[in-house]
Every structure is written in structure tokens, then in C-alpha cells.
N, C-alpha and C. Protein backbone atom coordinates (compact mmCIF):
# COMPACT_ATOMS: atom_id res chain seq x y z
N MET A 1 17.85 22.56 10.89
CA MET A 1 16.78 21.80 10.27
C MET A 1 17.05 21.73 8.78
N LYS A 2 16.91 20.54 8.22
CA LYS A 2 17.14 20.32 6.80
C LYS A 2 15.96 19.52 6.25
N ILE A 3 15.41 19.96 5.13
CA ILE A 3 14.34 19.24 4.45
C ILE A 3 14.90 18.77 3.13
N ARG A 4 14.77 17.47 2.87
CA ARG A 4 15.36 16.89 1.68
C ARG A 4 14.56 15.68 1.21
N LYS A 5 14.84 15.27 -0.02
CA LYS A 5 14.23 14.05 -0.56
C LYS A 5 14.72 12.86 0.28
N TYR A 6 13.84 11.89 0.49
CA TYR A 6 14.24 10.74 1.29
C TYR A 6 15.26 9.89 0.53
N ARG A 7 16.00 9.13 1.29
CA ARG A 7 16.95 8.14 0.75
C ARG A 7 16.49 6.77 1.23
N THR A 8 16.90 5.75 0.53
CA THR A 8 16.52 4.39 0.97
C THR A 8 17.04 4.11 2.37
N SER A 9 18.12 4.75 2.77
CA SER A 9 18.64 4.54 4.13
C SER A 9 17.70 5.12 5.19
N ASP A 10 16.78 6.01 4.78
CA ASP A 10 15.80 6.59 5.70
C ASP A 10 14.61 5.65 5.95
N LEU A 11 14.47 4.62 5.13
CA LEU A 11 13.24 3.81 5.19
C LEU A 11 12.90 3.27 6.57
N PRO A 12 13.82 2.71 7.34
CA PRO A 12 13.42 2.21 8.66
C PRO A 12 12.77 3.29 9.54
N VAL A 13 13.31 4.50 9.51
CA VAL A 13 12.79 5.58 10.35
C VAL A 13 11.45 6.06 9.81
N ILE A 14 11.34 6.28 8.50
CA ILE A 14 10.08 6.82 7.99
C ILE A 14 8.95 5.80 8.03
N ILE A 15 9.30 4.53 7.90
CA ILE A 15 8.27 3.49 8.08
C ILE A 15 7.77 3.52 9.53
N GLU A 16 8.69 3.66 10.46
CA GLU A 16 8.30 3.73 11.88
C GLU A 16 7.43 4.97 12.16
N LEU A 17 7.82 6.12 11.61
CA LEU A 17 7.03 7.34 11.80
C LEU A 17 5.63 7.18 11.20
N TRP A 18 5.58 6.66 9.98
CA TRP A 18 4.29 6.46 9.31
C TRP A 18 3.41 5.51 10.12
N ASN A 19 4.00 4.39 10.52
CA ASN A 19 3.23 3.39 11.27
C ASN A 19 2.74 3.92 12.61
N SER A 20 3.48 4.82 13.22
CA SER A 20 3.04 5.38 14.51
C SER A 20 1.74 6.16 14.33
N VAL A 21 1.60 6.87 13.21
CA VAL A 21 0.37 7.60 12.94
C VAL A 21 -0.76 6.62 12.61
N VAL A 22 -0.46 5.62 11.81
CA VAL A 22 -1.47 4.60 11.47
C VAL A 22 -1.95 3.91 12.74
N GLU A 23 -1.03 3.52 13.61
CA GLU A 23 -1.38 2.82 14.85
C GLU A 23 -2.23 3.69 15.77
N ALA A 24 -1.98 5.00 15.80
CA ALA A 24 -2.76 5.89 16.65
C ALA A 24 -4.24 5.86 16.24
N GLY A 25 -4.49 5.68 14.96
CA GLY A 25 -5.85 5.51 14.48
C GLY A 25 -6.73 6.75 14.52
N ASP A 26 -6.11 7.94 14.51
CA ASP A 26 -6.92 9.16 14.60
C ASP A 26 -6.57 10.21 13.55
N ALA A 27 -5.80 9.82 12.52
CA ALA A 27 -5.43 10.80 11.50
C ALA A 27 -5.35 10.21 10.09
N PHE A 28 -4.65 9.09 9.92
CA PHE A 28 -4.51 8.49 8.59
C PHE A 28 -5.62 7.46 8.39
N PRO A 29 -6.16 7.36 7.17
CA PRO A 29 -7.20 6.37 6.93
C PRO A 29 -6.68 4.93 6.85
N GLN A 30 -5.39 4.74 6.60
CA GLN A 30 -4.84 3.40 6.48
C GLN A 30 -4.96 2.63 7.80
N GLU A 31 -5.12 1.34 7.67
CA GLU A 31 -5.15 0.47 8.85
C GLU A 31 -4.00 -0.52 8.85
N GLU A 32 -3.47 -0.82 7.67
CA GLU A 32 -2.37 -1.77 7.54
C GLU A 32 -1.04 -1.07 7.78
N LEU A 33 -0.21 -1.67 8.61
CA LEU A 33 1.12 -1.13 8.85
C LEU A 33 2.05 -1.48 7.70
N LEU A 34 3.00 -0.62 7.46
CA LEU A 34 4.01 -0.88 6.44
C LEU A 34 5.11 -1.75 7.02
N ASN A 35 5.65 -2.62 6.19
CA ASN A 35 6.85 -3.36 6.58
C ASN A 35 7.97 -2.92 5.63
N GLU A 36 9.10 -3.53 5.71
CA GLU A 36 10.25 -3.12 4.90
C GLU A 36 9.90 -3.15 3.41
N GLU A 37 9.26 -4.19 2.96
CA GLU A 37 8.94 -4.34 1.54
C GLU A 37 7.82 -3.39 1.10
N THR A 38 6.71 -3.38 1.84
CA THR A 38 5.58 -2.53 1.44
C THR A 38 5.92 -1.06 1.64
N GLY A 39 6.71 -0.75 2.65
CA GLY A 39 7.12 0.64 2.89
C GLY A 39 8.01 1.16 1.77
N ALA A 40 8.96 0.35 1.34
CA ALA A 40 9.85 0.77 0.25
C ALA A 40 9.03 1.05 -1.01
N ALA A 41 8.09 0.18 -1.33
CA ALA A 41 7.25 0.37 -2.52
C ALA A 41 6.34 1.59 -2.37
N PHE A 42 5.76 1.76 -1.20
CA PHE A 42 4.83 2.87 -0.94
C PHE A 42 5.53 4.21 -1.10
N PHE A 43 6.66 4.40 -0.44
CA PHE A 43 7.33 5.70 -0.49
C PHE A 43 7.94 5.97 -1.87
N ALA A 44 8.39 4.92 -2.56
CA ALA A 44 8.93 5.10 -3.91
C ALA A 44 7.84 5.46 -4.92
N ALA A 45 6.60 5.07 -4.66
CA ALA A 45 5.50 5.30 -5.60
C ALA A 45 4.94 6.73 -5.55
N GLN A 46 5.33 7.51 -4.57
CA GLN A 46 4.81 8.88 -4.43
C GLN A 46 5.45 9.80 -5.46
N SER A 47 4.80 10.91 -5.76
CA SER A 47 5.44 11.93 -6.61
C SER A 47 6.70 12.41 -5.93
N CYS A 48 6.65 12.53 -4.62
CA CYS A 48 7.86 12.75 -3.85
C CYS A 48 7.61 12.37 -2.39
N THR A 49 8.66 11.91 -1.78
CA THR A 49 8.69 11.64 -0.34
C THR A 49 9.84 12.46 0.20
N VAL A 50 9.55 13.26 1.21
CA VAL A 50 10.51 14.23 1.74
C VAL A 50 10.64 14.03 3.24
N VAL A 51 11.86 14.17 3.75
CA VAL A 51 12.09 14.06 5.19
C VAL A 51 12.61 15.38 5.74
N LEU A 52 12.37 15.56 7.02
CA LEU A 52 12.91 16.69 7.76
C LEU A 52 13.88 16.09 8.77
N GLU A 53 15.10 16.59 8.76
CA GLU A 53 16.08 16.08 9.71
C GLU A 53 16.72 17.22 10.48
N GLU A 54 17.12 16.89 11.67
CA GLU A 54 17.83 17.82 12.53
C GLU A 54 18.94 17.04 13.20
N ASP A 55 20.15 17.56 13.15
CA ASP A 55 21.31 16.86 13.71
C ASP A 55 21.40 15.43 13.20
N ASP A 56 21.20 15.28 11.89
CA ASP A 56 21.28 13.98 11.19
C ASP A 56 20.25 12.96 11.66
N GLN A 57 19.19 13.41 12.31
CA GLN A 57 18.12 12.52 12.76
C GLN A 57 16.84 12.91 12.04
N VAL A 58 16.20 11.93 11.38
CA VAL A 58 14.94 12.18 10.68
C VAL A 58 13.83 12.29 11.73
N LEU A 59 13.13 13.43 11.70
CA LEU A 59 12.08 13.72 12.69
C LEU A 59 10.69 13.82 12.08
N GLY A 60 10.63 13.86 10.76
CA GLY A 60 9.33 13.99 10.12
C GLY A 60 9.44 13.71 8.63
N LEU A 61 8.27 13.62 8.00
CA LEU A 61 8.23 13.36 6.57
C LEU A 61 6.91 13.81 6.00
N TYR A 62 6.87 13.94 4.68
CA TYR A 62 5.60 14.06 3.98
C TYR A 62 5.69 13.31 2.67
N ILE A 63 4.52 12.91 2.20
CA ILE A 63 4.38 12.34 0.87
C ILE A 63 3.49 13.27 0.06
N LEU A 64 3.75 13.34 -1.23
CA LEU A 64 2.98 14.19 -2.13
C LEU A 64 2.70 13.38 -3.39
N HIS A 65 1.46 13.45 -3.85
CA HIS A 65 1.06 12.66 -5.02
C HIS A 65 -0.24 13.23 -5.58
N PRO A 66 -0.63 12.85 -6.81
CA PRO A 66 -1.92 13.32 -7.33
C PRO A 66 -3.06 12.83 -6.43
N ASN A 67 -4.03 13.68 -6.23
CA ASN A 67 -5.20 13.33 -5.43
C ASN A 67 -6.13 12.39 -6.19
N ASN A 68 -6.06 12.47 -7.52
CA ASN A 68 -6.93 11.65 -8.36
C ASN A 68 -6.23 11.45 -9.69
N VAL A 69 -6.91 10.90 -10.67
CA VAL A 69 -6.33 10.61 -11.97
C VAL A 69 -6.95 11.48 -13.05
N GLY A 70 -6.36 11.42 -14.23
CA GLY A 70 -6.94 12.03 -15.41
C GLY A 70 -7.27 13.50 -15.26
N ARG A 71 -8.53 13.83 -15.42
CA ARG A 71 -8.99 15.22 -15.43
C ARG A 71 -8.84 15.91 -14.07
N CYS A 72 -8.53 15.15 -13.05
CA CYS A 72 -8.33 15.73 -11.71
C CYS A 72 -6.89 15.59 -11.24
N SER A 73 -6.00 15.17 -12.12
CA SER A 73 -4.62 14.91 -11.70
C SER A 73 -3.80 16.17 -11.44
N HIS A 74 -4.37 17.34 -11.68
CA HIS A 74 -3.68 18.61 -11.37
C HIS A 74 -3.85 18.98 -9.89
N ILE A 75 -4.61 18.18 -9.16
CA ILE A 75 -4.81 18.40 -7.73
C ILE A 75 -3.91 17.44 -6.96
N ALA A 76 -3.11 17.97 -6.07
CA ALA A 76 -2.20 17.16 -5.27
C ALA A 76 -2.83 16.81 -3.93
N ASN A 77 -2.28 15.81 -3.30
CA ASN A 77 -2.64 15.42 -1.94
C ASN A 77 -1.34 15.18 -1.19
N ALA A 78 -1.34 15.45 0.09
CA ALA A 78 -0.14 15.22 0.90
C ALA A 78 -0.54 14.66 2.25
N SER A 79 0.38 13.94 2.86
CA SER A 79 0.22 13.44 4.22
C SER A 79 1.52 13.70 4.96
N TYR A 80 1.41 13.99 6.25
CA TYR A 80 2.54 14.40 7.06
C TYR A 80 2.64 13.53 8.31
N ALA A 81 3.86 13.24 8.73
CA ALA A 81 4.08 12.51 9.98
C ALA A 81 5.28 13.15 10.68
N ILE A 82 5.10 13.43 11.96
CA ILE A 82 6.15 14.04 12.79
C ILE A 82 6.38 13.14 14.00
N ASP A 83 7.63 12.98 14.38
CA ASP A 83 7.96 12.23 15.59
C ASP A 83 7.24 12.88 16.77
N ALA A 84 6.48 12.09 17.51
CA ALA A 84 5.67 12.61 18.62
C ALA A 84 6.52 13.37 19.65
N SER A 85 7.77 13.00 19.81
CA SER A 85 8.61 13.65 20.82
C SER A 85 8.99 15.08 20.47
N VAL A 86 8.78 15.48 19.21
CA VAL A 86 9.16 16.85 18.81
C VAL A 86 7.97 17.65 18.30
N ARG A 87 6.76 17.17 18.54
CA ARG A 87 5.59 17.93 18.12
C ARG A 87 5.53 19.23 18.90
N GLY A 88 5.00 20.26 18.26
CA GLY A 88 4.90 21.57 18.88
C GLY A 88 6.07 22.49 18.57
N LYS A 89 7.03 22.01 17.78
CA LYS A 89 8.21 22.82 17.43
C LYS A 89 8.09 23.40 16.02
N HIS A 90 6.90 23.39 15.46
CA HIS A 90 6.63 23.96 14.13
C HIS A 90 7.30 23.21 12.99
N LEU A 91 7.67 21.96 13.22
CA LEU A 91 8.25 21.16 12.15
C LEU A 91 7.19 20.82 11.11
N GLY A 92 5.97 20.56 11.56
CA GLY A 92 4.88 20.29 10.64
C GLY A 92 4.64 21.48 9.72
N GLU A 93 4.70 22.67 10.27
CA GLU A 93 4.53 23.88 9.47
C GLU A 93 5.59 23.96 8.38
N ALA A 94 6.83 23.66 8.73
CA ALA A 94 7.91 23.68 7.75
C ALA A 94 7.65 22.66 6.64
N LEU A 95 7.14 21.49 7.01
CA LEU A 95 6.84 20.47 6.01
C LEU A 95 5.68 20.89 5.11
N VAL A 96 4.64 21.51 5.68
CA VAL A 96 3.51 21.95 4.86
C VAL A 96 3.97 23.00 3.87
N PHE A 97 4.74 23.99 4.32
CA PHE A 97 5.23 25.02 3.40
C PHE A 97 6.10 24.41 2.31
N ASP A 98 6.95 23.45 2.68
CA ASP A 98 7.79 22.80 1.68
C ASP A 98 6.94 22.02 0.68
N SER A 99 5.89 21.36 1.15
CA SER A 99 5.03 20.60 0.24
C SER A 99 4.29 21.52 -0.73
N ILE A 100 3.94 22.71 -0.28
CA ILE A 100 3.31 23.69 -1.17
C ILE A 100 4.28 24.09 -2.28
N ARG A 101 5.52 24.38 -1.91
CA ARG A 101 6.54 24.74 -2.91
C ARG A 101 6.77 23.57 -3.88
N LYS A 102 6.88 22.37 -3.34
CA LYS A 102 7.14 21.20 -4.17
C LYS A 102 5.96 20.92 -5.09
N ALA A 103 4.74 21.05 -4.60
CA ALA A 103 3.55 20.81 -5.44
C ALA A 103 3.53 21.80 -6.61
N ARG A 104 3.83 23.06 -6.33
CA ARG A 104 3.91 24.06 -7.41
C ARG A 104 4.97 23.65 -8.44
N ALA A 105 6.14 23.28 -7.94
CA ALA A 105 7.25 22.91 -8.83
C ALA A 105 6.90 21.71 -9.70
N LEU A 106 6.06 20.82 -9.18
CA LEU A 106 5.66 19.63 -9.94
C LEU A 106 4.48 19.91 -10.88
N GLY A 107 3.98 21.16 -10.87
CA GLY A 107 2.92 21.53 -11.79
C GLY A 107 1.51 21.35 -11.28
N PHE A 108 1.36 21.00 -10.01
CA PHE A 108 0.02 20.89 -9.45
C PHE A 108 -0.58 22.29 -9.30
N GLN A 109 -1.90 22.39 -9.31
CA GLN A 109 -2.57 23.67 -9.19
C GLN A 109 -3.29 23.85 -7.85
N ILE A 110 -3.57 22.76 -7.19
CA ILE A 110 -4.30 22.78 -5.92
C ILE A 110 -3.69 21.69 -5.03
N LEU A 111 -3.64 21.96 -3.73
CA LEU A 111 -3.27 20.95 -2.75
C LEU A 111 -4.51 20.71 -1.91
N GLN A 112 -4.97 19.48 -1.88
CA GLN A 112 -6.22 19.14 -1.19
C GLN A 112 -5.98 18.04 -0.16
N PHE A 113 -6.58 18.22 1.00
CA PHE A 113 -6.56 17.20 2.05
C PHE A 113 -7.97 16.66 2.17
N ASN A 114 -8.14 15.38 1.95
CA ASN A 114 -9.46 14.76 1.88
C ASN A 114 -10.08 14.43 3.23
N ALA A 115 -9.27 14.11 4.20
CA ALA A 115 -9.83 13.52 5.41
C ALA A 115 -9.15 14.04 6.67
N VAL A 116 -9.24 15.34 6.90
CA VAL A 116 -8.69 15.90 8.14
C VAL A 116 -9.74 15.69 9.23
N VAL A 117 -9.38 14.92 10.22
CA VAL A 117 -10.32 14.58 11.30
C VAL A 117 -10.63 15.84 12.10
N GLU A 118 -11.92 16.05 12.36
CA GLU A 118 -12.37 17.28 13.01
C GLU A 118 -11.65 17.56 14.33
N SER A 119 -11.36 16.53 15.10
CA SER A 119 -10.71 16.74 16.40
C SER A 119 -9.20 17.00 16.28
N ASN A 120 -8.65 16.91 15.08
CA ASN A 120 -7.23 17.17 14.87
C ASN A 120 -7.03 18.69 14.79
N THR A 121 -7.27 19.36 15.90
CA THR A 121 -7.30 20.82 15.92
C THR A 121 -5.94 21.44 15.62
N ARG A 122 -4.86 20.81 16.01
CA ARG A 122 -3.53 21.36 15.70
C ARG A 122 -3.33 21.46 14.20
N ALA A 123 -3.63 20.38 13.50
CA ALA A 123 -3.47 20.39 12.04
C ALA A 123 -4.43 21.39 11.41
N ARG A 124 -5.68 21.40 11.86
CA ARG A 124 -6.67 22.30 11.28
C ARG A 124 -6.28 23.77 11.48
N HIS A 125 -5.81 24.12 12.66
CA HIS A 125 -5.37 25.50 12.91
C HIS A 125 -4.17 25.86 12.03
N LEU A 126 -3.25 24.93 11.88
CA LEU A 126 -2.08 25.16 11.02
C LEU A 126 -2.54 25.41 9.58
N TYR A 127 -3.38 24.54 9.05
CA TYR A 127 -3.83 24.70 7.67
C TYR A 127 -4.55 26.03 7.48
N GLU A 128 -5.40 26.38 8.41
CA GLU A 128 -6.16 27.63 8.30
C GLU A 128 -5.24 28.84 8.41
N ARG A 129 -4.25 28.78 9.28
CA ARG A 129 -3.29 29.88 9.43
C ARG A 129 -2.49 30.10 8.14
N ILE A 130 -2.18 29.01 7.44
CA ILE A 130 -1.42 29.09 6.20
C ILE A 130 -2.30 29.61 5.06
N GLY A 131 -3.60 29.40 5.14
CA GLY A 131 -4.50 29.87 4.09
C GLY A 131 -5.30 28.80 3.40
N PHE A 132 -5.28 27.58 3.92
CA PHE A 132 -6.13 26.53 3.38
C PHE A 132 -7.59 26.88 3.67
N GLN A 133 -8.46 26.51 2.76
CA GLN A 133 -9.90 26.73 2.92
C GLN A 133 -10.58 25.40 3.21
N GLN A 134 -11.47 25.40 4.20
CA GLN A 134 -12.23 24.20 4.50
C GLN A 134 -13.38 24.09 3.50
N LEU A 135 -13.59 22.90 2.97
CA LEU A 135 -14.63 22.65 1.98
C LEU A 135 -15.98 22.34 2.59
N GLY A 136 -16.02 22.01 3.85
CA GLY A 136 -17.26 21.62 4.51
C GLY A 136 -16.96 20.57 5.55
N VAL A 137 -17.96 19.78 5.87
CA VAL A 137 -17.83 18.71 6.86
C VAL A 137 -18.51 17.48 6.30
N ILE A 138 -17.84 16.34 6.43
CA ILE A 138 -18.44 15.06 6.07
C ILE A 138 -18.77 14.36 7.38
N PRO A 139 -20.05 14.30 7.71
CA PRO A 139 -20.45 13.73 9.01
C PRO A 139 -20.06 12.25 9.11
N GLY A 140 -19.39 11.92 10.19
CA GLY A 140 -19.03 10.53 10.45
C GLY A 140 -18.16 9.91 9.38
N GLY A 141 -17.35 10.72 8.72
CA GLY A 141 -16.55 10.22 7.60
C GLY A 141 -15.29 9.47 7.98
N PHE A 142 -14.91 9.46 9.24
CA PHE A 142 -13.67 8.81 9.66
C PHE A 142 -13.96 7.88 10.83
N ARG A 143 -13.57 6.61 10.68
CA ARG A 143 -13.73 5.65 11.77
C ARG A 143 -12.46 5.65 12.60
N MET A 144 -12.60 6.10 13.83
CA MET A 144 -11.47 6.17 14.76
C MET A 144 -11.07 4.75 15.17
N LYS A 145 -9.90 4.63 15.77
CA LYS A 145 -9.39 3.33 16.20
C LYS A 145 -10.34 2.67 17.20
N ASN A 146 -11.02 3.47 18.00
CA ASN A 146 -11.94 2.92 19.00
C ASN A 146 -13.30 2.52 18.41
N GLY A 147 -13.45 2.67 17.08
CA GLY A 147 -14.68 2.27 16.41
C GLY A 147 -15.72 3.36 16.27
N LYS A 148 -15.53 4.48 16.96
CA LYS A 148 -16.48 5.59 16.84
C LYS A 148 -16.19 6.37 15.55
N TYR A 149 -17.23 7.00 15.04
CA TYR A 149 -17.09 7.78 13.82
C TYR A 149 -17.00 9.26 14.15
N GLU A 150 -16.11 9.94 13.44
CA GLU A 150 -15.91 11.37 13.65
C GLU A 150 -16.00 12.09 12.31
N ASN A 151 -16.38 13.33 12.36
CA ASN A 151 -16.47 14.14 11.16
C ASN A 151 -15.09 14.37 10.55
N ILE A 152 -15.08 14.50 9.23
CA ILE A 152 -13.85 14.93 8.56
C ILE A 152 -14.10 16.27 7.87
N CYS A 153 -13.03 17.04 7.78
CA CYS A 153 -13.08 18.38 7.22
C CYS A 153 -12.08 18.48 6.07
N PRO A 154 -12.54 18.34 4.83
CA PRO A 154 -11.62 18.49 3.69
C PRO A 154 -11.14 19.93 3.57
N TYR A 155 -9.89 20.09 3.15
CA TYR A 155 -9.29 21.40 2.97
C TYR A 155 -8.62 21.47 1.59
N TYR A 156 -8.49 22.70 1.07
CA TYR A 156 -7.73 22.89 -0.17
C TYR A 156 -6.97 24.20 -0.12
N TYR A 157 -5.94 24.27 -0.95
CA TYR A 157 -5.10 25.46 -1.06
C TYR A 157 -4.78 25.64 -2.54
N GLU A 158 -5.09 26.80 -3.08
CA GLU A 158 -4.78 27.08 -4.47
C GLU A 158 -3.31 27.44 -4.61
N LEU A 159 -2.63 26.70 -5.45
CA LEU A 159 -1.21 26.94 -5.64
C LEU A 159 -1.04 27.98 -6.72
């Protein structure tokens, strides 16, 4: 397993991975799919975009960027996407730990997740096991793909 900064040659795969999560409609707030042009701009605009590869195949990624601007720009935000065929192999855990190290290296003081869907128990258990603290619950804060609203659970981790 190798975790590294993305290359432009990775764009087709990471756009596909990102879009698969968007299409599922149960984790990312975005509704618009990325294409070659919008995907290249999106991933280049992050503080960092990182991929996880195994046997020269990209299996996951994360993006890291400020959660807000100005007086809140010391707080980072990250999003993760893993190829569905390899979920359960702790690749997400490796990406979260790497994003914590990278956020520290970039000078962030906190890593915050704004919209963790309550039913995303795998992610929630992972974050809690690592030491993230839940901030509370926002009732009906996430509109699922089927149109129903589900609670979101914001989390943070002090770097």
C-alpha cells in the first residue's frame, strides 16, 4: 500500500471514485458529478489531494482543505472515497491517519467533519476509534438520494 499526492494521470480514476460516492447519495453533500474539466479543477483547488494505491492501482483518495476562511481557516476539512470493492480492508483508516499527519504538517489545528450522516456507522466508528469527538446531532441535516432527511453528526479532532 502506498499513499501519495495525486498526479494528473490519476484524474480518471479519482473522478470515478468521487462520483461513485456522490451518486450513492448517502455520504457527500454534492449532487453534481465531476467531469474531466470540473474534476481537474476541483482536485487541484484542494490544499492537497492524496491517493492510496496498491499494486499500481488507485483504490482510494482524500481531499484536505480549510473548513472555512479567515478567522476559522486554521480548521481543516477532509473527505474520503474508497473503491467499494475493497471496503473493509482498513484503507479508509490509513487515509484518515495520513490526513491527520498532512493537516498538522500544513499548520491546521483541528480537523472537522461537518456532515457525517448518522447511518454511516462504519465511518462514525472509525472516527470515534481514532479519537474524533462528536459535536452533537443536526436533525434532518442531510437529504438522502431517496429524498428523506437524515441526521448528521459533526466530528472534530484536535491536531
